[in-house]
Amino acid sequence: MKNAAYCVFETPLGACGIAWRAAADSDSQAVVTAVQLPEATPQATESRIARKSGASQPGVPPREIEEVIGKIRKHLQGEVQDFRSVALDLENVAPFFHQVYKAIREIPPGQSRTYGEIAKAVGQPGAAQEVGQAMAKNPIPIIVPCHRVAAAGGKPGGFSAHGGRATKAKLLALEGATVNLPLFS
């Protein structure tokens, strides 16, 4: 990826990573291309975000990326943040996934929607499984809050980050969501 960079930073949940693409011109801001939630070790987190970014070594984040990092840290401390204004690069994402990510960015913190509700919201009511596939491939968790999407019938659904459903439950709890489902235990 042209002008790609990444860095790893500490949060209350562990080391996270962020990748960005430099703006094409000096008048534009850098855009986030990926976020990596904590893996089992900081080295594993760095390995994943490096691979996602396509960059060969870490970079120094520009001001706007530093601001996003600050918001992620605050969010993971329980100080809920609004990430809807964060500039994202979803250029290489399939059009349906792009629609899904746009829809889930509108889910308020502390709330959730089902895969089926998201499918209806993007005009494809029979595509709940495809919504689940989009969640599993979400390159920008937290900013694209896939943890707020659950299965029908009060079931949490999957979560592809390290720790799976337990991590999903932590993220929802940080946002003030009621998480007392047996599958989250």
C-alpha atoms as a PDB file:
ATOM      1  CA  MET A   1       0.000   0.000   0.000  1.00  0.00           C
ATOM      2  CA  LYS A   2       1.431   3.348  -1.021  1.00  0.00           C
ATOM      3  CA  ASN A   3       2.488   5.618   1.866  1.00  0.00           C
ATOM      4  CA  ALA A   4       1.349   3.004   4.385  1.00  0.00           C
ATOM      5  CA  ALA A   5       2.497   3.061   7.974  1.00  0.00           C
ATOM      6  CA  TYR A   6       1.576   1.579  11.339  1.00  0.00           C
ATOM      7  CA  CYS A   7       2.352   1.807  15.015  1.00  0.00           C
ATOM      8  CA  VAL A   8       1.576  -0.092  18.206  1.00  0.00           C
ATOM      9  CA  PHE A   9       0.349   1.690  21.329  1.00  0.00           C
ATOM     10  CA  GLU A  10      -0.635   0.709  24.862  1.00  0.00           C
ATOM     11  CA  THR A  11      -4.223   0.715  26.106  1.00  0.00           C
ATOM     12  CA  PRO A  12      -5.924  -0.564  29.273  1.00  0.00           C
ATOM     13  CA  LEU A  13      -6.738  -3.803  27.395  1.00  0.00           C
ATOM     14  CA  GLY A  14      -3.200  -4.302  26.085  1.00  0.00           C
ATOM     15  CA  ALA A  15      -1.171  -3.310  23.039  1.00  0.00           C
ATOM     16  CA  CYS A  16      -3.271  -2.210  20.060  1.00  0.00           C
ATOM     17  CA  GLY A  17      -2.128  -1.307  16.576  1.00  0.00           C
ATOM     18  CA  ILE A  18      -3.241   1.219  14.014  1.00  0.00           C
ATOM     19  CA  ALA A  19      -2.338   1.534  10.349  1.00  0.00           C
ATOM     20  CA  TRP A  20      -2.851   4.527   8.112  1.00  0.00           C
ATOM     21  CA  ARG A  21      -2.219   5.743   4.644  1.00  0.00           C
ATOM     22  CA  ALA A  22      -0.670   9.123   4.121  1.00  0.00           C
ATOM     23  CA  ALA A  23      -2.741  11.631   2.262  1.00  0.00           C
ATOM     24  CA  ALA A  24      -2.116  11.935  -1.452  1.00  0.00           C
ATOM     25  CA  ASP A  25      -1.611  15.682  -1.085  1.00  0.00           C
ATOM     26  CA  SER A  26      -0.510  17.903   1.741  1.00  0.00           C
ATOM     27  CA  ASP A  27      -3.997  19.430   2.132  1.00  0.00           C
ATOM     28  CA  SER A  28      -5.615  16.129   3.128  1.00  0.00           C
ATOM     29  CA  GLN A  29      -5.364  14.181   6.350  1.00  0.00           C
ATOM     30  CA  ALA A  30      -4.081  10.659   6.795  1.00  0.00           C
ATOM     31  CA  VAL A  31      -6.763   7.971   6.773  1.00  0.00           C
ATOM     32  CA  VAL A  32      -7.019   4.891   8.988  1.00  0.00           C
ATOM     33  CA  THR A  33      -6.684   1.642   7.064  1.00  0.00           C
ATOM     34  CA  ALA A  34      -6.675  -0.876   9.939  1.00  0.00           C
ATOM     35  CA  VAL A  35      -6.894  -1.279  13.698  1.00  0.00           C
ATOM     36  CA  GLN A  36      -5.609  -4.286  15.576  1.00  0.00           C
ATOM     37  CA  LEU A  37      -7.065  -5.146  18.966  1.00  0.00           C
ATOM     38  CA  PRO A  38      -4.689  -6.727  21.504  1.00  0.00           C
ATOM     39  CA  GLU A  39      -3.360 -10.153  20.663  1.00  0.00           C
ATOM     40  CA  ALA A  40      -1.815 -12.586  23.167  1.00  0.00           C
ATOM     41  CA  THR A  41       1.450 -10.586  23.118  1.00  0.00           C
ATOM     42  CA  PRO A  42       2.480  -7.114  21.923  1.00  0.00           C
ATOM     43  CA  GLN A  43       4.721  -8.832  19.344  1.00  0.00           C
ATOM     44  CA  ALA A  44       1.721 -10.707  17.923  1.00  0.00           C
ATOM     45  CA  THR A  45      -0.235  -7.446  17.769  1.00  0.00           C
ATOM     46  CA  GLU A  46       2.620  -5.747  15.916  1.00  0.00           C
ATOM     47  CA  SER A  47       2.982  -8.659  13.519  1.00  0.00           C
ATOM     48  CA  ARG A  48      -0.715  -8.519  12.636  1.00  0.00           C
ATOM     49  CA  ILE A  49      -0.906  -4.751  12.169  1.00  0.00           C
ATOM     50  CA  ALA A  50       2.312  -4.758  10.126  1.00  0.00           C
ATOM     51  CA  ARG A  51       0.862  -7.392   7.806  1.00  0.00           C
ATOM     52  CA  LYS A  52      -2.458  -5.522   7.522  1.00  0.00           C
ATOM     53  CA  SER A  53      -0.683  -2.241   6.755  1.00  0.00           C
ATOM     54  CA  GLY A  54       1.733  -3.591   4.186  1.00  0.00           C
ATOM     55  CA  ALA A  55       4.465  -1.410   5.713  1.00  0.00           C
ATOM     56  CA  SER A  56       7.895  -2.868   6.446  1.00  0.00           C
ATOM     57  CA  GLN A  57       8.463  -1.001   9.720  1.00  0.00           C
ATOM     58  CA  PRO A  58       6.591   1.187  12.202  1.00  0.00           C
ATOM     59  CA  GLY A  59       6.079   4.859  11.498  1.00  0.00           C
ATOM     60  CA  VAL A  60       5.491   8.010  13.475  1.00  0.00           C
ATOM     61  CA  PRO A  61       1.784   8.807  13.441  1.00  0.00           C
ATOM     62  CA  PRO A  62       0.732  12.205  12.118  1.00  0.00           C
ATOM     63  CA  ARG A  63      -1.358  14.494  14.335  1.00  0.00           C
ATOM     64  CA  GLU A  64      -4.743  13.189  13.161  1.00  0.00           C
ATOM     65  CA  ILE A  65      -3.704   9.572  13.794  1.00  0.00           C
ATOM     66  CA  GLU A  66      -2.366  10.537  17.245  1.00  0.00           C
ATOM     67  CA  GLU A  67      -5.837  11.970  17.938  1.00  0.00           C
ATOM     68  CA  VAL A  68      -7.455   8.668  16.931  1.00  0.00           C
ATOM     69  CA  ILE A  69      -5.021   6.764  19.161  1.00  0.00           C
ATOM     70  CA  GLY A  70      -5.982   9.048  22.049  1.00  0.00           C
ATOM     71  CA  LYS A  71      -9.664   8.394  21.421  1.00  0.00           C
ATOM     72  CA  ILE A  72      -9.108   4.613  21.311  1.00  0.00           C
ATOM     73  CA  ARG A  73      -7.208   4.758  24.618  1.00  0.00           C
ATOM     74  CA  LYS A  74      -9.985   6.783  26.254  1.00  0.00           C
ATOM     75  CA  HIS A  75     -12.630   4.454  24.855  1.00  0.00           C
ATOM     76  CA  LEU A  76     -10.869   1.384  26.203  1.00  0.00           C
ATOM     77  CA  GLN A  77     -10.646   3.100  29.613  1.00  0.00           C
ATOM     78  CA  GLY A  78     -14.433   3.359  29.625  1.00  0.00           C
ATOM     79  CA  GLU A  79     -14.680   6.974  28.449  1.00  0.00           C
ATOM     80  CA  VAL A  80     -16.916   6.280  25.456  1.00  0.00           C
ATOM     81  CA  GLN A  81     -15.858   8.050  22.261  1.00  0.00           C
ATOM     82  CA  ASP A  82     -17.613   8.850  18.994  1.00  0.00           C
ATOM     83  CA  PHE A  83     -15.517   7.562  16.085  1.00  0.00           C
ATOM     84  CA  ARG A  84     -17.930   8.429  13.257  1.00  0.00           C
ATOM     85  CA  SER A  85     -15.829  11.395  12.083  1.00  0.00           C
ATOM     86  CA  VAL A  86     -12.601   9.375  11.817  1.00  0.00           C
ATOM     87  CA  ALA A  87     -11.485   9.262   8.185  1.00  0.00           C
ATOM     88  CA  LEU A  88     -11.231   5.676   6.938  1.00  0.00           C
ATOM     89  CA  ASP A  89      -9.806   4.068   3.846  1.00  0.00           C
ATOM     90  CA  LEU A  90     -12.254   1.364   2.821  1.00  0.00           C
ATOM     91  CA  GLU A  91     -11.210   1.547  -0.824  1.00  0.00           C
ATOM     92  CA  ASN A  92     -10.270  -2.144  -1.051  1.00  0.00           C
ATOM     93  CA  VAL A  93     -13.420  -3.376   0.705  1.00  0.00           C
ATOM     94  CA  ALA A  94     -16.217  -5.066  -1.249  1.00  0.00           C
ATOM     95  CA  PRO A  95     -19.174  -2.719  -1.887  1.00  0.00           C
ATOM     96  CA  PHE A  96     -21.575  -4.761   0.294  1.00  0.00           C
ATOM     97  CA  PHE A  97     -19.079  -4.810   3.186  1.00  0.00           C
ATOM     98  CA  HIS A  98     -18.622  -1.047   2.762  1.00  0.00           C
ATOM     99  CA  GLN A  99     -22.392  -0.558   3.156  1.00  0.00           C
ATOM    100  CA  VAL A 100     -22.407  -2.786   6.228  1.00  0.00           C
ATOM    101  CA  TYR A 101     -19.507  -0.909   7.847  1.00  0.00           C
ATOM    102  CA  LYS A 102     -21.234   2.404   7.182  1.00  0.00           C
ATOM    103  CA  ALA A 103     -24.425   1.101   8.828  1.00  0.00           C
ATOM    104  CA  ILE A 104     -22.718  -0.250  11.928  1.00  0.00           C
ATOM    105  CA  ARG A 105     -20.815   2.996  12.445  1.00  0.00           C
ATOM    106  CA  GLU A 106     -24.235   4.491  13.191  1.00  0.00           C
ATOM    107  CA  ILE A 107     -25.011   2.100  16.091  1.00  0.00           C
ATOM    108  CA  PRO A 108     -24.732   4.149  19.291  1.00  0.00           C
ATOM    109  CA  PRO A 109     -22.415   2.945  22.065  1.00  0.00           C
ATOM    110  CA  GLY A 110     -24.174   0.729  24.589  1.00  0.00           C
ATOM    111  CA  GLN A 111     -26.588  -0.576  21.960  1.00  0.00           C
ATOM    112  CA  SER A 112     -26.480  -3.463  19.543  1.00  0.00           C
ATOM    113  CA  ARG A 113     -28.190  -4.633  16.372  1.00  0.00           C
ATOM    114  CA  THR A 114     -28.600  -8.102  14.938  1.00  0.00           C
ATOM    115  CA  TYR A 115     -27.015  -9.322  11.745  1.00  0.00           C
ATOM    116  CA  GLY A 116     -30.527  -9.401  10.274  1.00  0.00           C
ATOM    117  CA  GLU A 117     -31.252  -5.798  11.286  1.00  0.00           C
ATOM    118  CA  ILE A 118     -28.053  -4.651   9.597  1.00  0.00           C
ATOM    119  CA  ALA A 119     -28.931  -6.657   6.478  1.00  0.00           C
ATOM    120  CA  LYS A 120     -32.317  -4.892   6.342  1.00  0.00           C
ATOM    121  CA  ALA A 121     -30.661  -1.514   6.949  1.00  0.00           C
ATOM    122  CA  VAL A 122     -28.480  -1.967   3.847  1.00  0.00           C
ATOM    123  CA  GLY A 123     -31.443  -3.092   1.739  1.00  0.00           C
ATOM    124  CA  GLN A 124     -30.641  -6.820   1.665  1.00  0.00           C
ATOM    125  CA  PRO A 125     -32.902  -8.439   4.275  1.00  0.00           C
ATOM    126  CA  GLY A 126     -31.847 -11.983   3.367  1.00  0.00           C
ATOM    127  CA  ALA A 127     -28.132 -11.306   3.814  1.00  0.00           C
ATOM    128  CA  ALA A 128     -27.628 -11.826   7.572  1.00  0.00           C
ATOM    129  CA  GLN A 129     -24.879 -14.411   6.976  1.00  0.00           C
ATOM    130  CA  GLU A 130     -23.066 -12.035   4.639  1.00  0.00           C
ATOM    131  CA  VAL A 131     -23.258  -9.364   7.355  1.00  0.00           C
ATOM    132  CA  GLY A 132     -21.592 -11.883   9.681  1.00  0.00           C
ATOM    133  CA  GLN A 133     -18.854 -12.392   7.096  1.00  0.00           C
ATOM    134  CA  ALA A 134     -18.332  -8.625   6.928  1.00  0.00           C
ATOM    135  CA  MET A 135     -18.004  -8.514  10.718  1.00  0.00           C
ATOM    136  CA  ALA A 136     -15.393 -11.297  10.658  1.00  0.00           C
ATOM    137  CA  LYS A 137     -13.349  -9.386   8.061  1.00  0.00           C
ATOM    138  CA  ASN A 138     -13.704  -5.930   9.602  1.00  0.00           C
ATOM    139  CA  PRO A 139     -10.267  -4.300   9.203  1.00  0.00           C
ATOM    140  CA  ILE A 140     -11.030  -1.440  11.594  1.00  0.00           C
ATOM    141  CA  PRO A 141     -12.622  -2.741  14.825  1.00  0.00           C
ATOM    142  CA  ILE A 142     -13.617  -0.196  17.481  1.00  0.00           C
ATOM    143  CA  ILE A 143     -13.896   2.551  14.843  1.00  0.00           C
ATOM    144  CA  VAL A 144     -16.182   0.256  12.828  1.00  0.00           C
ATOM    145  CA  PRO A 145     -17.838  -1.211  15.950  1.00  0.00           C
ATOM    146  CA  CYS A 146     -18.518  -4.798  14.891  1.00  0.00           C
ATOM    147  CA  HIS A 147     -18.714  -5.758  18.578  1.00  0.00           C
ATOM    148  CA  ARG A 148     -22.142  -4.047  18.593  1.00  0.00           C
ATOM    149  CA  VAL A 149     -23.578  -6.603  16.163  1.00  0.00           C
ATOM    150  CA  ALA A 150     -25.119  -9.771  17.613  1.00  0.00           C
ATOM    151  CA  ALA A 151     -26.952 -12.830  16.403  1.00  0.00           C
ATOM    152  CA  ALA A 152     -30.711 -13.160  16.598  1.00  0.00           C
ATOM    153  CA  GLY A 153     -32.414 -14.378  19.750  1.00  0.00           C
ATOM    154  CA  GLY A 154     -30.105 -12.586  22.184  1.00  0.00           C
ATOM    155  CA  LYS A 155     -27.059 -14.627  21.188  1.00  0.00           C
ATOM    156  CA  PRO A 156     -23.784 -12.718  20.999  1.00  0.00           C
ATOM    157  CA  GLY A 157     -22.549 -14.105  17.696  1.00  0.00           C
ATOM    158  CA  GLY A 158     -18.874 -14.498  17.004  1.00  0.00           C
ATOM    159  CA  PHE A 159     -15.979 -12.130  17.445  1.00  0.00           C
ATOM    160  CA  SER A 160     -12.740 -12.664  15.569  1.00  0.00           C
ATOM    161  CA  ALA A 161     -10.441 -10.650  17.867  1.00  0.00           C
ATOM    162  CA  HIS A 162      -8.167 -12.410  20.344  1.00  0.00           C
ATOM    163  CA  GLY A 163     -10.316 -13.549  23.269  1.00  0.00           C
ATOM    164  CA  GLY A 164     -13.399 -13.964  21.061  1.00  0.00           C
ATOM    165  CA  ARG A 165     -16.719 -13.443  22.815  1.00  0.00           C
ATOM    166  CA  ALA A 166     -15.047 -12.493  26.101  1.00  0.00           C
ATOM    167  CA  THR A 167     -13.369  -9.540  24.350  1.00  0.00           C
ATOM    168  CA  LYS A 168     -16.677  -8.629  22.710  1.00  0.00           C
ATOM    169  CA  ALA A 169     -18.351  -8.658  26.141  1.00  0.00           C
ATOM    170  CA  LYS A 170     -15.598  -6.415  27.584  1.00  0.00           C
ATOM    171  CA  LEU A 171     -16.021  -3.891  24.794  1.00  0.00           C
ATOM    172  CA  LEU A 172     -19.794  -3.818  25.217  1.00  0.00           C
ATOM    173  CA  ALA A 173     -19.475  -3.500  28.998  1.00  0.00           C
ATOM    174  CA  LEU A 174     -17.054  -0.570  28.601  1.00  0.00           C
ATOM    175  CA  GLU A 175     -19.783   1.157  26.596  1.00  0.00           C
ATOM    176  CA  GLY A 176     -22.417   0.535  29.246  1.00  0.00           C
ATOM    177  CA  ALA A 177     -24.261  -2.241  27.441  1.00  0.00           C
ATOM    178  CA  THR A 178     -25.973  -4.890  29.506  1.00  0.00           C
ATOM    179  CA  VAL A 179     -23.952  -8.046  28.985  1.00  0.00           C
ATOM    180  CA  ASN A 180     -25.467 -10.839  31.013  1.00  0.00           C
ATOM    181  CA  LEU A 181     -26.010 -13.415  28.325  1.00  0.00           C
ATOM    182  CA  PRO A 182     -24.968 -16.977  29.191  1.00  0.00           C
ATOM    183  CA  LEU A 183     -22.775 -17.226  26.067  1.00  0.00           C
ATOM    184  CA  PHE A 184     -20.656 -14.301  27.278  1.00  0.00           C
ATOM    185  CA  SER A 185     -19.751 -16.111  30.503  1.00  0.00           C
END
